[in-house]
Amino acid sequence: MEVKQLTQRQLFTMKRKGLETKVKKFWDATRNADLVVEYIVAIILRNALVVSDFSLPCQEVVRELLFQAKPSDTLRKFCPFLKDYVEDHEWHSVIKRLFKNETAYFKATKTMRLYEGYLKNKGKATNAKKYDTYTLISIFEDANGKKHTWRLRDGDSSNTPEETKRILRILTTMTIFRNTADVRRFAKFIDCDLKGTTTIFSTRTEKKQEQEKSAQNLTVETEKTSTDSNDPIHLFEGFDLYSLTKGELVVLIEGILNEAKAAIGMEDVMDERTENSEELSSEKRTPHKPNIDARIVPESIPKKDTAPSEENPILMPAAVGVLDAPTENPVKTKLSATKPPTKKISKKDRNILKNYNSSKKRH
């Protein structure tokens, strides 16, 4: 399985334990001395620029590089940064293994030995203002001359501006940091700035809890207010809207909108039910009235037929009720499926029929 190379972000942001594990894993898998040497030098530079402790990183890997790895130009170039990993007598053995003699060593590492001294001669700044954290903001040019900004958190405020500049210039000697177009990022150092920030106190967690509680209380109070009274004048009584936060106002408005939607929906349902009930009640109130005129037999009946007989019987109320069939077709409604109850003859109608029959008998 191919092991990915470490990135600039990993080298300058990861914690020490995880970073050392990744470097060791990459070394065991690839045995690429040139890349691993520059990884370790980058961590050493980070140790000089930040407050956190990254001193003497990856000691086991460094000793393998100095005593076992195949000599290369990159290993010879950056070997002065690894001098503190071994004893003095061991260092002479490293020089003999990597160089022909000490003269060749001093000549090839003149610039790097100067840079290595910058890492030790630092921490002389005295700052009047103290901050909790510092961010080192530096500006570089890449190999194409394009400027870019690089930020490093946890900056060390004990370094003077000149000391910081000298340390940052060491990045221009490294080749592992490249952009997506394979262009060296730290080709030339331009400028740097150290900015400090102080957090006096933080109530972010408390604010979140208070906002949630206040939002819940607002919802409950809104529900109570809507049930107690529909008067909009008293809707926000007891609330100071100017003292509410944005989140509380959003919760309050959402609750009001939801209640309004529910109320409008209930009104629509009630209106529909009222219309249906009115239609049904109107149909019940207008049944077919019996035709009284159809029940009354004209008085122009011959006197000789006054006596009851089979051919000309006297009409009885029951018979009249049977013959009293309406000639008009009733209007069909939703209740026409069920047979309506027969309406009883009123007292007035019965008296009319009774008088009529009595008059027939007298004649």
Protein backbone atom coordinates (compact mmCIF):
# COMPACT_ATOMS: atom_id res chain seq x y z
CA MET A 1 0.00 0.00 0.00
CA GLU A 2 1.39 3.38 -1.03
CA VAL A 3 1.94 5.83 1.82
CA LYS A 4 1.05 9.44 1.07
CA GLN A 5 3.57 12.21 1.57
CA LEU A 6 3.07 14.59 4.48
CA THR A 7 1.62 17.97 3.62
CA GLN A 8 2.49 21.46 4.82
CA ARG A 9 -0.73 21.58 6.80
CA GLN A 10 0.10 18.35 8.64
CA LEU A 11 3.64 19.41 9.47
CA PHE A 12 2.59 22.76 10.97
CA THR A 13 -0.79 21.96 12.57
CA MET A 14 -0.78 18.37 13.84
CA LYS A 15 -0.02 17.51 17.43
CA ARG A 16 3.41 16.09 18.20
CA LYS A 17 2.48 12.47 18.88
CA GLY A 18 0.42 12.00 15.75
CA LEU A 19 2.97 13.85 13.61
CA GLU A 20 5.88 11.72 14.80
CA THR A 21 3.84 8.58 14.13
CA LYS A 22 3.20 9.65 10.54
CA VAL A 23 6.87 10.48 9.90
CA LYS A 24 7.98 7.12 11.32
CA LYS A 25 5.39 5.27 9.23
CA PHE A 26 6.47 7.07 6.05
CA TRP A 27 10.13 6.33 6.76
CA ASP A 28 9.54 2.64 7.38
CA ALA A 29 7.47 2.34 4.20
CA THR A 30 9.62 4.34 1.77
CA ARG A 31 13.12 4.79 3.21
CA ASN A 32 13.15 8.12 1.35
CA ALA A 33 15.89 9.93 3.27
CA ASP A 34 15.59 13.22 1.35
CA LEU A 35 11.92 13.74 2.13
CA VAL A 36 12.14 12.56 5.73
CA VAL A 37 15.09 14.86 6.47
CA GLU A 38 13.15 17.89 5.28
CA TYR A 39 10.08 16.75 7.27
CA ILE A 40 12.16 16.70 10.43
CA VAL A 41 13.81 20.06 9.69
CA ALA A 42 10.34 21.59 9.17
CA ILE A 43 9.27 20.31 12.60
CA ILE A 44 12.46 21.78 14.12
CA LEU A 45 11.62 25.16 12.56
CA ARG A 46 8.10 24.90 13.95
CA ASN A 47 9.52 24.32 17.40
CA ALA A 48 11.49 27.58 17.09
CA LEU A 49 8.45 29.60 15.99
CA VAL A 50 5.72 28.35 18.35
CA VAL A 51 5.22 28.01 22.08
CA SER A 52 4.42 24.28 22.03
CA ASP A 53 7.25 21.81 22.54
CA PHE A 54 8.47 20.06 19.38
CA SER A 55 12.12 19.80 20.39
CA LEU A 56 14.19 16.86 19.05
CA PRO A 57 11.33 15.21 17.12
CA CYS A 58 11.54 11.66 15.74
CA GLN A 59 14.80 10.76 17.52
CA GLU A 60 14.79 7.12 16.44
CA VAL A 61 14.30 8.05 12.77
CA VAL A 62 17.05 10.70 12.93
CA ARG A 63 19.61 8.26 14.30
CA GLU A 64 18.81 5.85 11.47
CA LEU A 65 19.28 8.66 8.97
CA LEU A 66 22.65 9.68 10.38
CA PHE A 67 24.13 6.21 10.83
CA GLN A 68 22.35 3.97 8.32
CA ALA A 69 20.80 5.96 5.47
CA LYS A 70 22.61 6.27 2.20
CA PRO A 71 24.44 9.63 2.04
CA SER A 72 22.75 12.18 -0.22
CA ASP A 73 23.08 15.87 -1.00
CA THR A 74 19.92 16.68 0.99
CA LEU A 75 21.15 14.76 4.03
CA ARG A 76 24.53 16.51 3.85
CA LYS A 77 22.85 19.90 3.38
CA PHE A 78 20.60 19.71 6.47
CA CYS A 79 22.79 17.58 8.76
CA PRO A 80 23.81 20.59 10.96
CA PHE A 81 20.19 20.76 12.21
CA LEU A 82 20.57 17.16 13.47
CA LYS A 83 23.75 17.68 15.48
CA ASP A 84 21.91 17.82 18.84
CA TYR A 85 20.61 14.27 18.38
CA VAL A 86 24.04 12.70 18.98
CA GLU A 87 26.99 13.05 21.31
CA ASP A 88 30.13 14.91 20.27
CA HIS A 89 32.17 11.78 19.58
CA GLU A 90 29.27 10.37 17.56
CA TRP A 91 29.07 13.55 15.53
CA HIS A 92 32.63 13.10 14.29
CA SER A 93 31.66 9.64 13.07
CA VAL A 94 28.68 11.14 11.21
CA ILE A 95 30.92 13.71 9.49
CA LYS A 96 33.36 11.03 8.38
CA ARG A 97 30.48 8.92 7.00
CA LEU A 98 28.83 11.76 5.07
CA PHE A 99 31.89 13.80 4.00
CA LYS A 100 35.45 13.09 2.93
CA ASN A 101 36.80 15.12 5.81
CA GLU A 102 35.92 17.92 8.19
CA THR A 103 37.09 20.59 5.75
CA ALA A 104 34.56 19.43 3.21
CA TYR A 105 31.96 19.43 5.94
CA PHE A 106 32.60 23.02 7.00
CA LYS A 107 32.67 24.25 3.42
CA ALA A 108 29.42 22.51 2.36
CA THR A 109 27.44 23.49 5.45
CA LYS A 110 28.58 27.08 5.97
CA THR A 111 25.13 28.64 5.35
CA MET A 112 23.16 25.94 7.17
CA ARG A 113 25.36 26.15 10.24
CA LEU A 114 24.58 29.86 10.33
CA TYR A 115 20.85 29.16 10.10
CA GLU A 116 21.16 26.47 12.76
CA GLY A 117 22.63 29.09 15.08
CA TYR A 118 19.51 31.24 14.57
CA LEU A 119 17.40 28.50 16.12
CA LYS A 120 19.42 28.70 19.33
CA ASN A 121 20.00 32.44 19.57
CA LYS A 122 16.39 33.49 20.06
CA GLY A 123 13.84 34.40 22.74
CA LYS A 124 15.17 37.85 23.59
CA ALA A 125 11.99 39.85 23.05
CA THR A 126 10.29 41.73 25.89
CA ASN A 127 6.67 42.56 25.14
CA ALA A 128 4.77 45.18 27.08
CA LYS A 129 1.42 43.71 26.12
CA LYS A 130 0.61 40.11 26.90
CA TYR A 131 -1.91 38.10 24.91
CA ASP A 132 -3.28 34.62 25.36
CA THR A 133 -2.49 33.46 21.84
CA TYR A 134 -0.43 34.72 18.92
CA THR A 135 -0.61 34.12 15.18
CA LEU A 136 2.45 34.51 12.97
CA ILE A 137 1.46 35.93 9.58
CA SER A 138 4.22 35.84 6.95
CA ILE A 139 4.37 36.76 3.27
CA PHE A 140 6.42 34.79 0.73
CA GLU A 141 6.92 34.67 -3.01
CA ASP A 142 6.78 31.37 -4.84
CA ALA A 143 9.19 30.31 -7.57
CA ASN A 144 7.03 32.18 -10.14
CA GLY A 145 7.19 35.44 -8.19
CA LYS A 146 3.59 35.28 -6.95
CA LYS A 147 3.02 36.46 -3.37
CA HIS A 148 1.06 34.43 -0.85
CA THR A 149 0.34 34.61 2.88
CA TRP A 150 1.08 31.86 5.38
CA ARG A 151 -0.35 31.78 8.91
CA LEU A 152 1.08 29.81 11.83
CA ARG A 153 -0.88 29.57 15.05
CA ASP A 154 0.54 29.40 18.59
CA GLY A 155 3.29 31.87 17.72
CA ASP A 156 6.10 32.51 20.19
CA SER A 157 6.07 36.16 21.28
CA SER A 158 9.49 35.87 22.94
CA ASN A 159 11.17 36.04 19.52
CA THR A 160 12.12 39.48 18.26
CA PRO A 161 11.09 40.51 14.73
CA GLU A 162 14.67 40.01 13.47
CA GLU A 163 14.93 36.57 15.06
CA THR A 164 11.62 35.55 13.49
CA LYS A 165 12.71 36.79 10.05
CA ARG A 166 15.96 34.80 10.20
CA ILE A 167 14.10 31.62 11.13
CA LEU A 168 11.49 32.10 8.40
CA ARG A 169 14.23 32.50 5.77
CA ILE A 170 15.24 28.89 6.42
CA LEU A 171 12.01 27.85 4.67
CA THR A 172 13.42 29.28 1.42
CA THR A 173 16.09 26.56 1.44
CA MET A 174 13.54 23.73 1.47
CA THR A 175 12.01 22.12 -1.60
CA ILE A 176 9.21 19.91 -0.24
CA PHE A 177 6.57 22.65 -0.02
CA ARG A 178 4.91 23.01 -3.41
CA ASN A 179 1.53 24.12 -4.72
CA THR A 180 -0.79 22.18 -7.00
CA ALA A 181 1.21 23.30 -10.04
CA ASP A 182 4.39 21.81 -8.51
CA VAL A 183 5.86 25.28 -7.88
CA ARG A 184 7.96 25.93 -4.78
CA ARG A 185 5.92 27.96 -2.32
CA PHE A 186 8.68 29.45 -0.13
CA ALA A 187 11.14 30.77 -2.71
CA LYS A 188 11.61 34.26 -1.21
CA PHE A 189 10.74 35.78 2.17
CA ILE A 190 9.02 39.19 2.10
CA ASP A 191 7.69 40.18 5.51
CA CYS A 192 6.00 38.91 8.67
CA ASP A 193 3.73 40.07 11.45
CA LEU A 194 2.82 38.64 14.86
CA LYS A 195 -0.72 39.36 16.01
CA GLY A 196 -2.00 38.66 19.49
CA THR A 197 -5.51 37.98 20.75
CA THR A 198 -6.81 37.80 24.29
CA THR A 199 -10.05 36.21 25.46
CA ILE A 200 -11.09 37.95 28.67
CA PHE A 201 -13.96 35.56 29.27
CA SER A 202 -16.23 33.32 27.23
CA THR A 203 -19.87 32.55 27.91
CA ARG A 204 -20.67 30.82 24.64
CA THR A 205 -21.94 27.65 26.32
CA GLU A 206 -23.94 29.61 28.89
CA LYS A 207 -25.43 31.83 26.17
CA LYS A 208 -26.60 28.83 24.18
CA GLN A 209 -28.29 27.32 27.23
CA GLU A 210 -29.92 30.63 28.16
CA GLN A 211 -31.19 31.14 24.59
CA GLU A 212 -32.74 27.67 24.54
CA LYS A 213 -34.45 28.20 27.90
CA SER A 214 -35.69 31.67 26.99
CA ALA A 215 -36.97 30.36 23.64
CA GLN A 216 -38.91 27.62 25.42
CA ASN A 217 -40.32 30.12 27.92
CA LEU A 218 -41.35 32.44 25.11
CA THR A 219 -43.16 29.60 23.35
CA VAL A 220 -45.05 28.65 26.51
CA GLU A 221 -45.97 32.26 27.27
CA THR A 222 -47.12 32.79 23.69
CA GLU A 223 -49.40 29.75 23.90
CA LYS A 224 -50.85 30.96 27.19
CA THR A 225 -51.44 34.43 25.81
CA SER A 226 -53.15 33.08 22.68
CA THR A 227 -55.50 30.88 24.75
CA ASP A 228 -56.31 33.53 27.35
CA SER A 229 -57.03 36.39 24.97
CA ASN A 230 -57.17 37.02 21.24
CA ASP A 231 -56.69 40.74 21.67
CA PRO A 232 -53.55 41.74 19.70
CA ILE A 233 -52.97 44.65 22.06
CA HIS A 234 -52.15 42.26 24.92
CA LEU A 235 -50.18 39.80 22.78
CA PHE A 236 -46.75 41.07 23.80
CA GLU A 237 -47.68 42.37 27.22
CA GLY A 238 -44.84 41.70 29.64
CA PHE A 239 -42.22 41.28 26.88
CA ASP A 240 -39.54 43.80 25.99
CA LEU A 241 -38.95 43.04 22.32
CA TYR A 242 -35.82 45.20 22.21
CA SER A 243 -34.15 43.04 24.86
CA LEU A 244 -34.68 39.79 22.94
CA THR A 245 -31.91 38.23 20.89
CA LYS A 246 -32.22 37.39 17.20
CA GLY A 247 -32.73 33.69 17.94
CA GLU A 248 -35.47 34.42 20.49
CA LEU A 249 -37.30 36.68 18.06
CA VAL A 250 -37.15 34.01 15.36
CA VAL A 251 -38.64 31.41 17.74
CA LEU A 252 -41.35 33.87 18.84
CA ILE A 253 -42.34 34.76 15.27
CA GLU A 254 -42.40 31.10 14.20
CA GLY A 255 -44.71 30.26 17.11
CA ILE A 256 -47.08 33.11 16.20
CA LEU A 257 -47.16 32.07 12.53
CA ASN A 258 -47.89 28.43 13.41
CA GLU A 259 -50.74 29.47 15.69
CA ALA A 260 -52.16 31.77 13.00
CA LYS A 261 -52.07 28.97 10.41
CA ALA A 262 -53.83 26.60 12.82
CA ALA A 263 -56.50 29.21 13.63
CA ILE A 264 -57.14 29.96 9.94
CA GLY A 265 -57.46 26.23 9.21
CA MET A 266 -60.00 25.79 12.02
CA GLU A 267 -62.04 28.74 10.76
CA ASP A 268 -62.18 27.25 7.26
CA VAL A 269 -63.35 23.91 8.63
CA MET A 270 -66.01 25.55 10.82
CA ASP A 271 -67.25 27.67 7.91
CA GLU A 272 -67.59 24.57 5.71
CA ARG A 273 -69.45 22.68 8.43
CA THR A 274 -71.78 25.66 9.00
CA GLU A 275 -72.63 25.87 5.28
CA ASN A 276 -73.39 22.14 5.14
CA SER A 277 -75.57 22.29 8.25
CA GLU A 278 -77.49 25.27 6.86
CA GLU A 279 -78.20 23.39 3.63
CA LEU A 280 -79.47 20.35 5.50
CA SER A 281 -81.62 22.41 7.86
CA SER A 282 -83.19 24.33 4.97
CA GLU A 283 -84.10 21.06 3.27
CA LYS A 284 -85.70 19.78 6.46
CA ARG A 285 -87.63 23.01 7.01
CA THR A 286 -89.26 22.89 3.53
CA PRO A 287 -91.09 19.53 3.23
CA HIS A 288 -94.02 19.08 0.78
CA LYS A 289 -97.15 20.67 2.20
CA PRO A 290 -100.47 18.87 1.62
CA ASN A 291 -102.87 20.53 -0.82
CA ILE A 292 -105.97 21.39 1.21
CA ASP A 293 -107.93 22.37 -1.89
CA ALA A 294 -107.41 18.94 -3.39
CA ARG A 295 -108.90 17.35 -0.25
CA ILE A 296 -112.15 19.42 -0.34
CA VAL A 297 -114.85 18.04 -2.60
CA PRO A 298 -116.95 20.75 -4.39
CA GLU A 299 -120.40 21.40 -2.90
CA SER A 300 -122.15 21.03 -6.31
CA ILE A 301 -123.03 17.39 -5.70
CA PRO A 302 -126.59 16.24 -6.58
CA LYS A 303 -128.99 15.83 -3.63
CA LYS A 304 -130.12 12.41 -4.76
CA ASP A 305 -126.62 11.06 -4.25
CA THR A 306 -126.42 12.22 -0.65
CA ALA A 307 -126.91 8.77 0.71
CA PRO A 308 -123.81 6.70 0.90
CA SER A 309 -123.52 3.91 -1.62
CA GLU A 310 -120.96 1.72 -3.31
CA GLU A 311 -120.99 3.88 -6.45
CA ASN A 312 -120.72 7.15 -4.60
CA PRO A 313 -119.24 6.59 -1.19
CA ILE A 314 -118.61 9.32 1.26
CA LEU A 315 -114.92 10.30 1.35
CA MET A 316 -113.33 9.54 4.69
CA PRO A 317 -110.30 11.27 6.07
CA ALA A 318 -108.18 8.23 5.47
CA ALA A 319 -109.35 7.95 1.88
CA VAL A 320 -108.82 11.64 1.38
CA GLY A 321 -105.31 11.28 2.71
CA VAL A 322 -104.67 8.48 0.23
CA LEU A 323 -106.04 10.41 -2.75
CA ASP A 324 -104.14 13.49 -1.68
CA ALA A 325 -101.08 12.69 -3.81
CA PRO A 326 -99.14 15.75 -4.91
CA THR A 327 -99.05 16.40 -8.61
CA GLU A 328 -95.74 18.23 -8.45
CA ASN A 329 -92.46 16.33 -8.30
CA PRO A 330 -90.60 17.10 -5.08
CA VAL A 331 -87.07 18.43 -5.30
CA LYS A 332 -84.55 15.68 -4.74
CA THR A 333 -81.99 16.34 -2.00
CA LYS A 334 -79.30 14.46 -0.26
CA LEU A 335 -81.93 13.04 2.14
CA SER A 336 -84.16 11.67 -0.68
CA ALA A 337 -82.44 8.29 -0.37
CA THR A 338 -84.26 7.74 2.94
CA LYS A 339 -88.13 7.73 3.08
CA PRO A 340 -89.30 10.85 4.91
CA PRO A 341 -91.77 10.33 7.76
CA THR A 342 -95.52 10.88 6.91
CA LYS A 343 -96.70 14.18 8.30
CA LYS A 344 -99.83 14.05 10.50
CA ILE A 345 -102.96 16.04 9.53
CA SER A 346 -103.21 19.16 11.55
CA LYS A 347 -106.15 19.83 13.86
CA LYS A 348 -107.44 22.58 11.58
CA ASP A 349 -107.58 20.22 8.61
CA ARG A 350 -109.40 17.60 10.63
CA ASN A 351 -112.06 20.15 11.67
CA ILE A 352 -112.58 21.19 8.05
CA LEU A 353 -113.10 17.58 6.98
CA LYS A 354 -115.37 16.90 9.94
CA ASN A 355 -117.57 19.91 9.12
CA TYR A 356 -117.68 18.91 5.50
CA ASN A 357 -118.84 15.36 6.27
CA SER A 358 -121.44 16.68 8.71
CA SER A 359 -122.87 19.00 6.11
CA LYS A 360 -123.09 16.11 3.63
CA LYS A 361 -125.08 14.03 6.11
CA ARG A 362 -127.55 16.82 6.74
CA HIS A 363 -128.24 17.09 3.07
